[in-house]
Structures are given as structure tokens and as C-alpha cells.
Amino acid sequence: MPKVEVAYARPDKQEIIPVQVPEGATALEAVKQSGITAIFPEIDADSIDMGIFGKVIKKPDLHELREGDRVELYRPLQIDPKQARLNRAKKKPVADQ
């Protein structure tokens, strides 16, 4: 039985939960088995974005896990990264020429 981890982080709290899953278990099954939704009730395991070591997986219900995988749950972005860069650039003072 492969050992994997399920990870989730908020600014105020992070958890990495080790889980032993049956051979052929999917990322979604590992998340549900981990009980992480009891710690973070805002997680909807059926719709949250997931990845393995930072690489997004499109279909967590079909993605079979391997020994040592870490399933990461991703919070929705508060602001588009391009917009955030643009906002920072507008705040930066222009150097005197």
C-alpha cells in the first residue's frame, strides 16, 4: 500500500497529512481518506484544484498515485498574478533621470 501525503495551507495554518492508500488509489480518494476536510471545512474535495508536487492535475478523480506523492490542494487566487504585478509596478516610484 503506497504512502502519500495530502497538503493544504492557509496564511494562518498549514497541514501535511500522511495517508496510506490502496494500490491504484486516485488523488481524490487520498484527499477524502485523509480527513483534511475536518480540519479545513472550506475544502470541497470534489471541486478544489489539486496538484502533485506543484504540478496541477486536471482530473484528480482519475490520477493514480505513486509511493511518496504529495497531493496539494490549492486555494483560489485572490487576484490574477498579472494584475498583481501591474499593481506593484504602478506603486513603484520612478527613479529621477
PDB file of N, CA and C in Angstrom:
ATOM      1  N   MET A   1       0.842  -1.185   0.000  1.00  0.00           N
ATOM      2  CA  MET A   1       0.000   0.000   0.000  1.00  0.00           C
ATOM      3  C   MET A   1       0.886   1.247   0.000  1.00  0.00           C
ATOM      4  N   PRO A   2       0.752   2.081  -1.026  1.00  0.00           N
ATOM      5  CA  PRO A   2       1.589   3.285  -1.115  1.00  0.00           C
ATOM      6  C   PRO A   2       1.298   4.282   0.013  1.00  0.00           C
ATOM      7  N   LYS A   3       2.365   4.946   0.462  1.00  0.00           N
ATOM      8  CA  LYS A   3       2.228   6.026   1.439  1.00  0.00           C
ATOM      9  C   LYS A   3       2.350   7.335   0.672  1.00  0.00           C
ATOM     10  N   VAL A   4       1.376   8.227   0.878  1.00  0.00           N
ATOM     11  CA  VAL A   4       1.366   9.534   0.224  1.00  0.00           C
ATOM     12  C   VAL A   4       1.069  10.594   1.284  1.00  0.00           C
ATOM     13  N   GLU A   5       1.106  11.851   0.882  1.00  0.00           N
ATOM     14  CA  GLU A   5       0.764  12.952   1.781  1.00  0.00           C
ATOM     15  C   GLU A   5      -0.296  13.812   1.116  1.00  0.00           C
ATOM     16  N   VAL A   6      -1.144  14.412   1.941  1.00  0.00           N
ATOM     17  CA  VAL A   6      -2.125  15.382   1.469  1.00  0.00           C
ATOM     18  C   VAL A   6      -1.809  16.695   2.180  1.00  0.00           C
ATOM     19  N   ALA A   7      -1.632  17.774   1.399  1.00  0.00           N
ATOM     20  CA  ALA A   7      -1.205  19.050   1.961  1.00  0.00           C
ATOM     21  C   ALA A   7      -2.161  20.171   1.583  1.00  0.00           C
ATOM     22  N   TYR A   8      -2.380  21.074   2.555  1.00  0.00           N
ATOM     23  CA  TYR A   8      -3.196  22.268   2.329  1.00  0.00           C
ATOM     24  C   TYR A   8      -2.646  23.370   3.213  1.00  0.00           C
ATOM     25  N   ALA A   9      -2.700  24.600   2.727  1.00  0.00           N
ATOM     26  CA  ALA A   9      -2.176  25.723   3.512  1.00  0.00           C
ATOM     27  C   ALA A   9      -3.057  26.947   3.345  1.00  0.00           C
ATOM     28  N   ARG A  10      -3.274  27.598   4.480  1.00  0.00           N
ATOM     29  CA  ARG A  10      -3.868  28.930   4.517  1.00  0.00           C
ATOM     30  C   ARG A  10      -2.794  29.828   5.112  1.00  0.00           C
ATOM     31  N   PRO A  11      -2.961  31.139   5.009  1.00  0.00           N
ATOM     32  CA  PRO A  11      -1.941  32.013   5.614  1.00  0.00           C
ATOM     33  C   PRO A  11      -1.742  31.749   7.111  1.00  0.00           C
ATOM     34  N   ASP A  12      -2.784  31.306   7.800  1.00  0.00           N
ATOM     35  CA  ASP A  12      -2.701  31.127   9.246  1.00  0.00           C
ATOM     36  C   ASP A  12      -2.448  29.691   9.695  1.00  0.00           C
ATOM     37  N   LYS A  13      -2.560  28.725   8.785  1.00  0.00           N
ATOM     38  CA  LYS A  13      -2.464  27.321   9.204  1.00  0.00           C
ATOM     39  C   LYS A  13      -2.123  26.430   8.007  1.00  0.00           C
ATOM     40  N   GLN A  14      -1.221  25.465   8.248  1.00  0.00           N
ATOM     41  CA  GLN A  14      -0.841  24.507   7.204  1.00  0.00           C
ATOM     42  C   GLN A  14      -0.914  23.095   7.779  1.00  0.00           C
ATOM     43  N   GLU A  15      -1.250  22.147   6.936  1.00  0.00           N
ATOM     44  CA  GLU A  15      -1.268  20.739   7.359  1.00  0.00           C
ATOM     45  C   GLU A  15      -0.723  19.862   6.239  1.00  0.00           C
ATOM     46  N   ILE A  16       0.080  18.880   6.628  1.00  0.00           N
ATOM     47  CA  ILE A  16       0.505  17.814   5.715  1.00  0.00           C
ATOM     48  C   ILE A  16       0.150  16.524   6.427  1.00  0.00           C
ATOM     49  N   ILE A  17      -0.759  15.771   5.826  1.00  0.00           N
ATOM     50  CA  ILE A  17      -1.275  14.561   6.464  1.00  0.00           C
ATOM     51  C   ILE A  17      -0.788  13.324   5.720  1.00  0.00           C
ATOM     52  N   PRO A  18      -0.039  12.442   6.397  1.00  0.00           N
ATOM     53  CA  PRO A  18       0.378  11.189   5.755  1.00  0.00           C
ATOM     54  C   PRO A  18      -0.825  10.238   5.651  1.00  0.00           C
ATOM     55  N   VAL A  19      -0.923   9.564   4.508  1.00  0.00           N
ATOM     56  CA  VAL A  19      -2.036   8.651   4.264  1.00  0.00           C
ATOM     57  C   VAL A  19      -1.506   7.401   3.576  1.00  0.00           C
ATOM     58  N   GLN A  20      -1.972   6.260   4.010  1.00  0.00           N
ATOM     59  CA  GLN A  20      -1.649   5.015   3.324  1.00  0.00           C
ATOM     60  C   GLN A  20      -2.883   4.658   2.487  1.00  0.00           C
ATOM     61  N   VAL A  21      -2.689   4.559   1.180  1.00  0.00           N
ATOM     62  CA  VAL A  21      -3.813   4.328   0.265  1.00  0.00           C
ATOM     63  C   VAL A  21      -3.661   2.977  -0.422  1.00  0.00           C
ATOM     64  N   PRO A  22      -4.769   2.390  -0.862  1.00  0.00           N
ATOM     65  CA  PRO A  22      -4.665   1.134  -1.596  1.00  0.00           C
ATOM     66  C   PRO A  22      -3.980   1.348  -2.953  1.00  0.00           C
ATOM     67  N   GLU A  23      -3.386   0.310  -3.477  1.00  0.00           N
ATOM     68  CA  GLU A  23      -2.757   0.364  -4.798  1.00  0.00           C
ATOM     69  C   GLU A  23      -3.788   0.849  -5.814  1.00  0.00           C
ATOM     70  N   GLY A  24      -3.387   1.813  -6.658  1.00  0.00           N
ATOM     71  CA  GLY A  24      -4.302   2.326  -7.690  1.00  0.00           C
ATOM     72  C   GLY A  24      -5.223   3.430  -7.201  1.00  0.00           C
ATOM     73  N   ALA A  25      -5.056   3.898  -5.956  1.00  0.00           N
ATOM     74  CA  ALA A  25      -5.899   4.972  -5.426  1.00  0.00           C
ATOM     75  C   ALA A  25      -5.633   6.271  -6.186  1.00  0.00           C
ATOM     76  N   THR A  26      -6.664   7.083  -6.299  1.00  0.00           N
ATOM     77  CA  THR A  26      -6.539   8.358  -7.003  1.00  0.00           C
ATOM     78  C   THR A  26      -6.279   9.494  -6.008  1.00  0.00           C
ATOM     79  N   ALA A  27      -5.898  10.649  -6.562  1.00  0.00           N
ATOM     80  CA  ALA A  27      -5.654  11.824  -5.726  1.00  0.00           C
ATOM     81  C   ALA A  27      -6.908  12.196  -4.942  1.00  0.00           C
ATOM     82  N   LEU A  28      -8.053  12.154  -5.590  1.00  0.00           N
ATOM     83  CA  LEU A  28      -9.309  12.494  -4.921  1.00  0.00           C
ATOM     84  C   LEU A  28      -9.600  11.531  -3.768  1.00  0.00           C
ATOM     85  N   GLU A  29      -9.363  10.250  -3.985  1.00  0.00           N
ATOM     86  CA  GLU A  29      -9.593   9.256  -2.927  1.00  0.00           C
ATOM     87  C   GLU A  29      -8.671   9.511  -1.727  1.00  0.00           C
ATOM     88  N   ALA A  30      -7.423   9.877  -2.000  1.00  0.00           N
ATOM     89  CA  ALA A  30      -6.476  10.155  -0.911  1.00  0.00           C
ATOM     90  C   ALA A  30      -6.924  11.364  -0.098  1.00  0.00           C
ATOM     91  N   VAL A  31      -7.419  12.389  -0.776  1.00  0.00           N
ATOM     92  CA  VAL A  31      -7.888  13.589  -0.072  1.00  0.00           C
ATOM     93  C   VAL A  31      -9.054  13.231   0.839  1.00  0.00           C
ATOM     94  N   LYS A  32      -9.992  12.472   0.311  1.00  0.00           N
ATOM     95  CA  LYS A  32     -11.160  12.086   1.116  1.00  0.00           C
ATOM     96  C   LYS A  32     -10.753  11.188   2.284  1.00  0.00           C
ATOM     97  N   GLN A  33      -9.819  10.286   2.052  1.00  0.00           N
ATOM     98  CA  GLN A  33      -9.370   9.367   3.095  1.00  0.00           C
ATOM     99  C   GLN A  33      -8.565  10.093   4.184  1.00  0.00           C
ATOM    100  N   SER A  34      -7.903  11.193   3.814  1.00  0.00           N
ATOM    101  CA  SER A  34      -7.025  11.901   4.757  1.00  0.00           C
ATOM    102  C   SER A  34      -7.784  12.581   5.895  1.00  0.00           C
ATOM    103  N   GLY A  35      -9.041  12.915   5.668  1.00  0.00           N
ATOM    104  CA  GLY A  35      -9.811  13.640   6.678  1.00  0.00           C
ATOM    105  C   GLY A  35      -9.458  15.114   6.762  1.00  0.00           C
ATOM    106  N   ILE A  36      -8.779  15.639   5.774  1.00  0.00           N
ATOM    107  CA  ILE A  36      -8.351  17.042   5.804  1.00  0.00           C
ATOM    108  C   ILE A  36      -9.537  18.001   5.811  1.00  0.00           C
ATOM    109  N   THR A  37     -10.687  17.564   5.290  1.00  0.00           N
ATOM    110  CA  THR A  37     -11.863  18.438   5.279  1.00  0.00           C
ATOM    111  C   THR A  37     -12.422  18.658   6.679  1.00  0.00           C
ATOM    112  N   ALA A  38     -12.079  17.793   7.622  1.00  0.00           N
ATOM    113  CA  ALA A  38     -12.490  18.010   9.014  1.00  0.00           C
ATOM    114  C   ALA A  38     -11.664  19.134   9.645  1.00  0.00           C
ATOM    115  N   ILE A  39     -10.418  19.295   9.181  1.00  0.00           N
ATOM    116  CA  ILE A  39      -9.533  20.344   9.694  1.00  0.00           C
ATOM    117  C   ILE A  39      -9.846  21.674   9.003  1.00  0.00           C
ATOM    118  N   PHE A  40     -10.095  21.593   7.697  1.00  0.00           N
ATOM    119  CA  PHE A  40     -10.387  22.777   6.883  1.00  0.00           C
ATOM    120  C   PHE A  40     -11.763  22.589   6.226  1.00  0.00           C
ATOM    121  N   PRO A  41     -12.838  22.964   6.911  1.00  0.00           N
ATOM    122  CA  PRO A  41     -14.185  22.714   6.374  1.00  0.00           C
ATOM    123  C   PRO A  41     -14.473  23.451   5.064  1.00  0.00           C
ATOM    124  N   GLU A  42     -13.662  24.466   4.720  1.00  0.00           N
ATOM    125  CA  GLU A  42     -13.902  25.207   3.473  1.00  0.00           C
ATOM    126  C   GLU A  42     -13.520  24.403   2.233  1.00  0.00           C
ATOM    127  N   ILE A  43     -12.817  23.291   2.413  1.00  0.00           N
ATOM    128  CA  ILE A  43     -12.384  22.474   1.278  1.00  0.00           C
ATOM    129  C   ILE A  43     -13.566  21.653   0.746  1.00  0.00           C
ATOM    130  N   ASP A  44     -13.801  21.773  -0.563  1.00  0.00           N
ATOM    131  CA  ASP A  44     -14.752  20.889  -1.247  1.00  0.00           C
ATOM    132  C   ASP A  44     -13.896  19.951  -2.100  1.00  0.00           C
ATOM    133  N   ALA A  45     -13.683  18.751  -1.596  1.00  0.00           N
ATOM    134  CA  ALA A  45     -12.760  17.808  -2.236  1.00  0.00           C
ATOM    135  C   ALA A  45     -13.133  17.534  -3.693  1.00  0.00           C
ATOM    136  N   ASP A  46     -14.411  17.613  -4.018  1.00  0.00           N
ATOM    137  CA  ASP A  46     -14.840  17.299  -5.386  1.00  0.00           C
ATOM    138  C   ASP A  46     -14.582  18.424  -6.378  1.00  0.00           C
ATOM    139  N   SER A  47     -14.297  19.644  -5.890  1.00  0.00           N
ATOM    140  CA  SER A  47     -14.121  20.737  -6.845  1.00  0.00           C
ATOM    141  C   SER A  47     -12.816  21.529  -6.673  1.00  0.00           C
ATOM    142  N   ILE A  48     -12.080  21.318  -5.577  1.00  0.00           N
ATOM    143  CA  ILE A  48     -10.853  22.088  -5.352  1.00  0.00           C
ATOM    144  C   ILE A  48      -9.770  21.671  -6.345  1.00  0.00           C
ATOM    145  N   ASP A  49      -8.931  22.647  -6.750  1.00  0.00           N
ATOM    146  CA  ASP A  49      -7.810  22.340  -7.634  1.00  0.00           C
ATOM    147  C   ASP A  49      -6.752  21.572  -6.859  1.00  0.00           C
ATOM    148  N   MET A  50      -6.145  20.582  -7.531  1.00  0.00           N
ATOM    149  CA  MET A  50      -5.126  19.746  -6.892  1.00  0.00           C
ATOM    150  C   MET A  50      -3.904  19.632  -7.785  1.00  0.00           C
ATOM    151  N   GLY A  51      -2.795  19.276  -7.148  1.00  0.00           N
ATOM    152  CA  GLY A  51      -1.571  19.027  -7.892  1.00  0.00           C
ATOM    153  C   GLY A  51      -0.716  18.028  -7.141  1.00  0.00           C
ATOM    154  N   ILE A  52       0.306  17.534  -7.823  1.00  0.00           N
ATOM    155  CA  ILE A  52       1.296  16.648  -7.217  1.00  0.00           C
ATOM    156  C   ILE A  52       2.629  17.394  -7.291  1.00  0.00           C
ATOM    157  N   PHE A  53       3.195  17.733  -6.133  1.00  0.00           N
ATOM    158  CA  PHE A  53       4.461  18.462  -6.061  1.00  0.00           C
ATOM    159  C   PHE A  53       4.470  19.688  -6.975  1.00  0.00           C
ATOM    160  N   GLY A  54       3.401  20.500  -6.918  1.00  0.00           N
ATOM    161  CA  GLY A  54       3.361  21.761  -7.656  1.00  0.00           C
ATOM    162  C   GLY A  54       2.899  21.663  -9.095  1.00  0.00           C
ATOM    163  N   LYS A  55       2.652  20.463  -9.594  1.00  0.00           N
ATOM    164  CA  LYS A  55       2.174  20.298 -10.971  1.00  0.00           C
ATOM    165  C   LYS A  55       0.682  19.991 -10.934  1.00  0.00           C
ATOM    166  N   VAL A  56      -0.117  20.889 -11.503  1.00  0.00           N
ATOM    167  CA  VAL A  56      -1.574  20.744 -11.464  1.00  0.00           C
ATOM    168  C   VAL A  56      -2.011  19.478 -12.182  1.00  0.00           C
ATOM    169  N   ILE A  57      -2.966  18.787 -11.576  1.00  0.00           N
ATOM    170  CA  ILE A  57      -3.560  17.614 -12.237  1.00  0.00           C
ATOM    171  C   ILE A  57      -5.000  17.973 -12.608  1.00  0.00           C
ATOM    172  N   LYS A  58      -5.340  17.711 -13.859  1.00  0.00           N
ATOM    173  CA  LYS A  58      -6.641  18.116 -14.398  1.00  0.00           C
ATOM    174  C   LYS A  58      -7.783  17.258 -13.875  1.00  0.00           C
ATOM    175  N   LYS A  59      -7.538  15.960 -13.703  1.00  0.00           N
ATOM    176  CA  LYS A  59      -8.609  15.051 -13.285  1.00  0.00           C
ATOM    177  C   LYS A  59      -8.173  14.259 -12.049  1.00  0.00           C
ATOM    178  N   PRO A  60      -8.294  14.877 -10.864  1.00  0.00           N
ATOM    179  CA  PRO A  60      -7.843  14.196  -9.644  1.00  0.00           C
ATOM    180  C   PRO A  60      -8.579  12.887  -9.372  1.00  0.00           C
ATOM    181  N   ASP A  61      -9.789  12.750  -9.920  1.00  0.00           N
ATOM    182  CA  ASP A  61     -10.554  11.514  -9.709  1.00  0.00           C
ATOM    183  C   ASP A  61     -10.033  10.364 -10.555  1.00  0.00           C
ATOM    184  N   LEU A  62      -9.139  10.668 -11.510  1.00  0.00           N
ATOM    185  CA  LEU A  62      -8.566   9.619 -12.368  1.00  0.00           C
ATOM    186  C   LEU A  62      -7.060   9.464 -12.183  1.00  0.00           C
ATOM    187  N   HIS A  63      -6.414  10.432 -11.533  1.00  0.00           N
ATOM    188  CA  HIS A  63      -4.950  10.427 -11.400  1.00  0.00           C
ATOM    189  C   HIS A  63      -4.509   9.434 -10.318  1.00  0.00           C
ATOM    190  N   GLU A  64      -3.895   8.331 -10.745  1.00  0.00           N
ATOM    191  CA  GLU A  64      -3.417   7.312  -9.801  1.00  0.00           C
ATOM    192  C   GLU A  64      -2.135   7.783  -9.117  1.00  0.00           C
ATOM    193  N   LEU A  65      -2.085   7.567  -7.819  1.00  0.00           N
ATOM    194  CA  LEU A  65      -0.931   7.992  -7.033  1.00  0.00           C
ATOM    195  C   LEU A  65       0.155   6.933  -6.989  1.00  0.00           C
ATOM    196  N   ARG A  66       1.397   7.417  -6.772  1.00  0.00           N
ATOM    197  CA  ARG A  66       2.538   6.525  -6.581  1.00  0.00           C
ATOM    198  C   ARG A  66       3.103   6.756  -5.195  1.00  0.00           C
ATOM    199  N   GLU A  67       3.855   5.806  -4.723  1.00  0.00           N
ATOM    200  CA  GLU A  67       4.536   5.901  -3.426  1.00  0.00           C
ATOM    201  C   GLU A  67       5.263   7.244  -3.310  1.00  0.00           C
ATOM    202  N   GLY A  68       5.032   7.950  -2.207  1.00  0.00           N
ATOM    203  CA  GLY A  68       5.743   9.191  -1.947  1.00  0.00           C
ATOM    204  C   GLY A  68       5.126  10.442  -2.542  1.00  0.00           C
ATOM    205  N   ASP A  69       4.056  10.327  -3.340  1.00  0.00           N
ATOM    206  CA  ASP A  69       3.414  11.514  -3.916  1.00  0.00           C
ATOM    207  C   ASP A  69       2.873  12.413  -2.808  1.00  0.00           C
ATOM    208  N   ARG A  70       2.865  13.718  -3.062  1.00  0.00           N
ATOM    209  CA  ARG A  70       2.214  14.655  -2.151  1.00  0.00           C
ATOM    210  C   ARG A  70       1.104  15.349  -2.932  1.00  0.00           C
ATOM    211  N   VAL A  71      -0.126  15.112  -2.520  1.00  0.00           N
ATOM    212  CA  VAL A  71      -1.283  15.750  -3.149  1.00  0.00           C
ATOM    213  C   VAL A  71      -1.447  17.120  -2.491  1.00  0.00           C
ATOM    214  N   GLU A  72      -1.372  18.167  -3.296  1.00  0.00           N
ATOM    215  CA  GLU A  72      -1.504  19.525  -2.784  1.00  0.00           C
ATOM    216  C   GLU A  72      -2.855  20.086  -3.197  1.00  0.00           C
ATOM    217  N   LEU A  73      -3.528  20.719  -2.257  1.00  0.00           N
ATOM    218  CA  LEU A  73      -4.822  21.341  -2.525  1.00  0.00           C
ATOM    219  C   LEU A  73      -4.591  22.837  -2.649  1.00  0.00           C
ATOM    220  N   TYR A  74      -5.139  23.434  -3.709  1.00  0.00           N
ATOM    221  CA  TYR A  74      -4.858  24.839  -3.992  1.00  0.00           C
ATOM    222  C   TYR A  74      -6.069  25.722  -3.734  1.00  0.00           C
ATOM    223  N   ARG A  75      -5.843  26.794  -2.959  1.00  0.00           N
ATOM    224  CA  ARG A  75      -6.891  27.788  -2.735  1.00  0.00           C
ATOM    225  C   ARG A  75      -7.055  28.613  -4.006  1.00  0.00           C
ATOM    226  N   PRO A  76      -8.264  29.154  -4.248  1.00  0.00           N
ATOM    227  CA  PRO A  76      -8.439  30.021  -5.421  1.00  0.00           C
ATOM    228  C   PRO A  76      -7.598  31.288  -5.267  1.00  0.00           C
ATOM    229  N   LEU A  77      -7.108  31.805  -6.370  1.00  0.00           N
ATOM    230  CA  LEU A  77      -6.316  33.027  -6.335  1.00  0.00           C
ATOM    231  C   LEU A  77      -7.200  34.205  -5.941  1.00  0.00           C
ATOM    232  N   GLN A  78      -6.663  35.100  -5.113  1.00  0.00           N
ATOM    233  CA  GLN A  78      -7.402  36.300  -4.728  1.00  0.00           C
ATOM    234  C   GLN A  78      -7.355  37.347  -5.844  1.00  0.00           C
ATOM    235  N   ILE A  79      -6.241  37.344  -6.587  1.00  0.00           N
ATOM    236  CA  ILE A  79      -6.061  38.301  -7.677  1.00  0.00           C
ATOM    237  C   ILE A  79      -5.212  37.624  -8.749  1.00  0.00           C
ATOM    238  N   ASP A  80      -5.481  37.945  -9.993  1.00  0.00           N
ATOM    239  CA  ASP A  80      -4.711  37.404 -11.107  1.00  0.00           C
ATOM    240  C   ASP A  80      -3.250  37.852 -10.969  1.00  0.00           C
ATOM    241  N   PRO A  81      -2.283  36.937 -11.115  1.00  0.00           N
ATOM    242  CA  PRO A  81      -0.867  37.304 -10.950  1.00  0.00           C
ATOM    243  C   PRO A  81      -0.421  38.455 -11.851  1.00  0.00           C
ATOM    244  N   LYS A  82      -0.956  38.514 -13.070  1.00  0.00           N
ATOM    245  CA  LYS A  82      -0.578  39.612 -13.977  1.00  0.00           C
ATOM    246  C   LYS A  82      -1.076  40.943 -13.431  1.00  0.00           C
ATOM    247  N   GLN A  83      -2.288  40.946 -12.885  1.00  0.00           N
ATOM    248  CA  GLN A  83      -2.836  42.176 -12.310  1.00  0.00           C
ATOM    249  C   GLN A  83      -2.032  42.591 -11.072  1.00  0.00           C
ATOM    250  N   ALA A  84      -1.617  41.613 -10.266  1.00  0.00           N
ATOM    251  CA  ALA A  84      -0.825  41.914  -9.070  1.00  0.00           C
ATOM    252  C   ALA A  84       0.498  42.585  -9.454  1.00  0.00           C
ATOM    253  N   ARG A  85       1.164  42.072 -10.506  1.00  0.00           N
ATOM    254  CA  ARG A  85       2.425  42.679 -10.973  1.00  0.00           C
ATOM    255  C   ARG A  85       2.184  44.100 -11.463  1.00  0.00           C
ATOM    256  N   LEU A  86       1.094  44.278 -12.212  1.00  0.00           N
ATOM    257  CA  LEU A  86       0.760  45.607 -12.726  1.00  0.00           C
ATOM    258  C   LEU A  86       0.515  46.581 -11.579  1.00  0.00           C
ATOM    259  N   ASN A  87      -0.209  46.137 -10.557  1.00  0.00           N
ATOM    260  CA  ASN A  87      -0.469  46.987  -9.389  1.00  0.00           C
ATOM    261  C   ASN A  87       0.826  47.375  -8.683  1.00  0.00           C
ATOM    262  N   ARG A  88       1.745  46.409  -8.526  1.00  0.00           N
ATOM    263  CA  ARG A  88       3.029  46.714  -7.879  1.00  0.00           C
ATOM    264  C   ARG A  88       3.842  47.703  -8.704  1.00  0.00           C
ATOM    265  N   ALA A  89       3.827  47.526 -10.023  1.00  0.00           N
ATOM    266  CA  ALA A  89       4.586  48.417 -10.909  1.00  0.00           C
ATOM    267  C   ALA A  89       4.056  49.846 -10.821  1.00  0.00           C
ATOM    268  N   LYS A  90       2.748  50.007 -10.682  1.00  0.00           N
ATOM    269  CA  LYS A  90       2.153  51.345 -10.588  1.00  0.00           C
ATOM    270  C   LYS A  90       2.540  52.033  -9.281  1.00  0.00           C
ATOM    271  N   LYS A  91       2.747  51.258  -8.205  1.00  0.00           N
ATOM    272  CA  LYS A  91       3.090  51.832  -6.898  1.00  0.00           C
ATOM    273  C   LYS A  91       4.558  52.231  -6.805  1.00  0.00           C
ATOM    274  N   LYS A  92       5.412  51.595  -7.623  1.00  0.00           N
ATOM    275  CA  LYS A  92       6.850  51.825  -7.528  1.00  0.00           C
ATOM    276  C   LYS A  92       7.200  53.240  -8.013  1.00  0.00           C
ATOM    277  N   PRO A  93       7.945  53.994  -7.211  1.00  0.00           N
ATOM    278  CA  PRO A  93       8.309  55.345  -7.652  1.00  0.00           C
ATOM    279  C   PRO A  93       9.296  55.293  -8.823  1.00  0.00           C
ATOM    280  N   VAL A  94       9.133  56.238  -9.719  1.00  0.00           N
ATOM    281  CA  VAL A  94      10.038  56.302 -10.875  1.00  0.00           C
ATOM    282  C   VAL A  94      11.332  56.992 -10.456  1.00  0.00           C
ATOM    283  N   ALA A  95      12.468  56.415 -10.800  1.00  0.00           N
ATOM    284  CA  ALA A  95      13.773  56.979 -10.439  1.00  0.00           C
ATOM    285  C   ALA A  95      14.009  58.272 -11.232  1.00  0.00           C
ATOM    286  N   ASP A  96      14.631  59.256 -10.556  1.00  0.00           N
ATOM    287  CA  ASP A  96      14.954  60.527 -11.241  1.00  0.00           C
ATOM    288  C   ASP A  96      15.974  60.276 -12.342  1.00  0.00           C
ATOM    289  N   GLN A  97      15.798  60.979 -13.420  1.00  0.00           N
ATOM    290  CA  GLN A  97      16.688  60.780 -14.567  1.00  0.00           C
ATOM    291  C   GLN A  97      17.805  61.775 -14.578  1.00  0.00           C
TER     292      GLN A  97
END
